[in-house]
C-alpha atoms as a PDB file:
ATOM      1  CA  UNK A   1      94.377 102.980 107.791  1.00  0.00           C
ATOM      2  CA  UNK A   2      96.574 104.527 110.476  1.00  0.00           C
ATOM      3  CA  UNK A   3      96.540 101.350 112.555  1.00  0.00           C
ATOM      4  CA  UNK A   4      97.375  99.260 109.493  1.00  0.00           C
ATOM      5  CA  UNK A   5     100.280 101.546 108.627  1.00  0.00           C
ATOM      6  CA  UNK A   6     101.532 101.411 112.212  1.00  0.00           C
ATOM      7  CA  UNK A   7     101.591  97.624 112.068  1.00  0.00           C
ATOM      8  CA  UNK A   8     103.302  97.684 108.680  1.00  0.00           C
ATOM      9  CA  UNK A   9     106.037  99.974 110.044  1.00  0.00           C
ATOM     10  CA  UNK A  10     107.061  97.448 112.681  1.00  0.00           C
ATOM     11  CA  UNK A  11     109.958  96.093 110.637  1.00  0.00           C
ATOM     12  CA  UNK A  12     111.260  99.635 110.037  1.00  0.00           C
ATOM     13  CA  UNK A  13     110.888 100.582 113.683  1.00  0.00           C
ATOM     14  CA  UNK A  14     112.776  97.488 114.762  1.00  0.00           C
ATOM     15  CA  UNK A  15     115.499  97.598 112.102  1.00  0.00           C
ATOM     16  CA  UNK A  16     118.363  97.651 114.606  1.00  0.00           C
ATOM     17  CA  UNK A  17     116.982  94.560 116.308  1.00  0.00           C
ATOM     18  CA  UNK A  18     116.407  92.895 112.926  1.00  0.00           C
ATOM     19  CA  UNK A  19     119.979  93.613 111.863  1.00  0.00           C
ATOM     20  CA  UNK A  20     121.371  92.337 115.143  1.00  0.00           C
ATOM     21  CA  UNK A  21     119.461  89.075 114.812  1.00  0.00           C
ATOM     22  CA  UNK A  22     120.154  88.701 111.081  1.00  0.00           C
ATOM     23  CA  UNK A  23     123.908  89.214 111.060  1.00  0.00           C
ATOM     24  CA  UNK A  24     125.534  86.268 112.812  1.00  0.00           C
ATOM     25  CA  UNK A  25     128.039  86.659 115.599  1.00  0.00           C
ATOM     26  CA  UNK A  26     131.492  85.122 115.285  1.00  0.00           C
ATOM     27  CA  UNK A  27     130.325  81.887 116.905  1.00  0.00           C
ATOM     28  CA  UNK A  28     127.501  81.423 114.378  1.00  0.00           C
ATOM     29  CA  UNK A  29     129.297  82.489 111.186  1.00  0.00           C
ATOM     30  CA  UNK A  30     129.751  78.895 110.022  1.00  0.00           C
ATOM     31  CA  UNK A  31     126.140  77.922 110.763  1.00  0.00           C
ATOM     32  CA  UNK A  32     124.344  80.825 109.047  1.00  0.00           C
ATOM     33  CA  UNK A  33     124.820  82.315 105.594  1.00  0.00           C
ATOM     34  CA  UNK A  34     124.968  86.063 106.294  1.00  0.00           C
ATOM     35  CA  UNK A  35     124.501  86.924 102.630  1.00  0.00           C
ATOM     36  CA  UNK A  36     121.282  84.924 102.426  1.00  0.00           C
ATOM     37  CA  UNK A  37     119.902  86.265 105.713  1.00  0.00           C
ATOM     38  CA  UNK A  38     120.676  89.841 104.671  1.00  0.00           C
ATOM     39  CA  UNK A  39     119.030  89.214 101.312  1.00  0.00           C
ATOM     40  CA  UNK A  40     115.910  87.891 103.078  1.00  0.00           C
ATOM     41  CA  UNK A  41     115.842  90.929 105.371  1.00  0.00           C
ATOM     42  CA  UNK A  42     116.202  93.244 102.372  1.00  0.00           C
ATOM     43  CA  UNK A  43     113.380  91.479 100.525  1.00  0.00           C
ATOM     44  CA  UNK A  44     111.207  91.680 103.621  1.00  0.00           C
ATOM     45  CA  UNK A  45     111.865  95.419 103.902  1.00  0.00           C
ATOM     46  CA  UNK A  46     111.153  95.982 100.222  1.00  0.00           C
ATOM     47  CA  UNK A  47     107.895  94.004 100.426  1.00  0.00           C
ATOM     48  CA  UNK A  48     106.813  96.024 103.453  1.00  0.00           C
ATOM     49  CA  UNK A  49     107.633  99.306 101.701  1.00  0.00           C
ATOM     50  CA  UNK A  50     105.854  98.255  98.508  1.00  0.00           C
ATOM     51  CA  UNK A  51     102.734  97.182 100.391  1.00  0.00           C
ATOM     52  CA  UNK A  52     102.716 100.343 102.483  1.00  0.00           C
ATOM     53  CA  UNK A  53     103.121 102.532  99.395  1.00  0.00           C
ATOM     54  CA  UNK A  54     100.273 100.688  97.640  1.00  0.00           C
ATOM     55  CA  UNK A  55      97.954 101.171 100.621  1.00  0.00           C
ATOM     56  CA  UNK A  56      98.829 104.868 100.938  1.00  0.00           C
ATOM     57  CA  UNK A  57      98.264 105.497  97.219  1.00  0.00           C
ATOM     58  CA  UNK A  58      94.965 103.618  97.360  1.00  0.00           C
ATOM     59  CA  UNK A  59      93.846 105.698 100.338  1.00  0.00           C
ATOM     60  CA  UNK A  60      94.802 108.932  98.575  1.00  0.00           C
ATOM     61  CA  UNK A  61      92.941 107.850  95.462  1.00  0.00           C
ATOM     62  CA  UNK A  62      89.785 106.951  97.363  1.00  0.00           C
ATOM     63  CA  UNK A  63      89.846 110.104  99.462  1.00  0.00           C
ATOM     64  CA  UNK A  64      90.449 112.258  96.384  1.00  0.00           C
ATOM     65  CA  UNK A  65      87.398 110.704  94.749  1.00  0.00           C
ATOM     66  CA  UNK A  66      85.332 111.515  97.840  1.00  0.00           C
ATOM     67  CA  UNK A  67      86.637 115.102  97.794  1.00  0.00           C
ATOM     68  CA  UNK A  68      85.699 115.443  94.127  1.00  0.00           C
ATOM     69  CA  UNK A  69      82.170 114.181  94.841  1.00  0.00           C
ATOM     70  CA  UNK A  70      81.797 116.499  97.826  1.00  0.00           C
ATOM     71  CA  UNK A  71      82.980 119.478  95.769  1.00  0.00           C
ATOM     72  CA  UNK A  72      80.347 118.705  93.149  1.00  0.00           C
ATOM     73  CA  UNK A  73      77.691 118.474  95.853  1.00  0.00           C
ATOM     74  CA  UNK A  74      78.964 121.722  97.375  1.00  0.00           C
ATOM     75  CA  UNK A  75      78.473 123.527  94.067  1.00  0.00           C
ATOM     76  CA  UNK A  76      74.828 122.426  94.102  1.00  0.00           C
ATOM     77  CA  UNK A  77      74.277 123.381  97.760  1.00  0.00           C
ATOM     78  CA  UNK A  78      76.769 126.137  98.724  1.00  0.00           C
ATOM     79  CA  UNK A  79      74.942 126.950 101.978  1.00  0.00           C
ATOM     80  CA  UNK A  80      75.153 123.420 103.441  1.00  0.00           C
ATOM     81  CA  UNK A  81      77.437 123.782 106.486  1.00  0.00           C
ATOM     82  CA  UNK A  82      77.560 120.054 107.218  1.00  0.00           C
ATOM     83  CA  UNK A  83      78.663 119.362 103.665  1.00  0.00           C
ATOM     84  CA  UNK A  84      81.378 122.008 103.909  1.00  0.00           C
ATOM     85  CA  UNK A  85      82.601 120.513 107.179  1.00  0.00           C
ATOM     86  CA  UNK A  86      82.775 117.031 105.643  1.00  0.00           C
ATOM     87  CA  UNK A  87      84.571 118.403 102.582  1.00  0.00           C
ATOM     88  CA  UNK A  88      87.196 120.123 104.757  1.00  0.00           C
ATOM     89  CA  UNK A  89      87.692 116.928 106.762  1.00  0.00           C
ATOM     90  CA  UNK A  90      88.310 114.864 103.613  1.00  0.00           C
ATOM     91  CA  UNK A  91      90.613 117.528 102.166  1.00  0.00           C
ATOM     92  CA  UNK A  92      92.642 117.415 105.356  1.00  0.00           C
ATOM     93  CA  UNK A  93      93.039 113.637 104.980  1.00  0.00           C
ATOM     94  CA  UNK A  94      94.478 114.037 101.504  1.00  0.00           C
END
């Protein structure tokens, strides 16, 4: 998940470069529609944010389900140290 999120943040991390290449210089103003290129950049950013948010929420949901299951198992076996360690690890993820 972390690697996927890192890749998905690329557009945010390079926003200055993206803006510099999207907004035309004086010599290219007549050849490029700045409004359209800015709109495309905005849509690209919004898509990236939406996808990233969906992945994060999915991860939280899945990890929360695992935590719930581990808590139920912990109630049945309170002395299981390995189970407690796994539960703490999953709780930390959330």
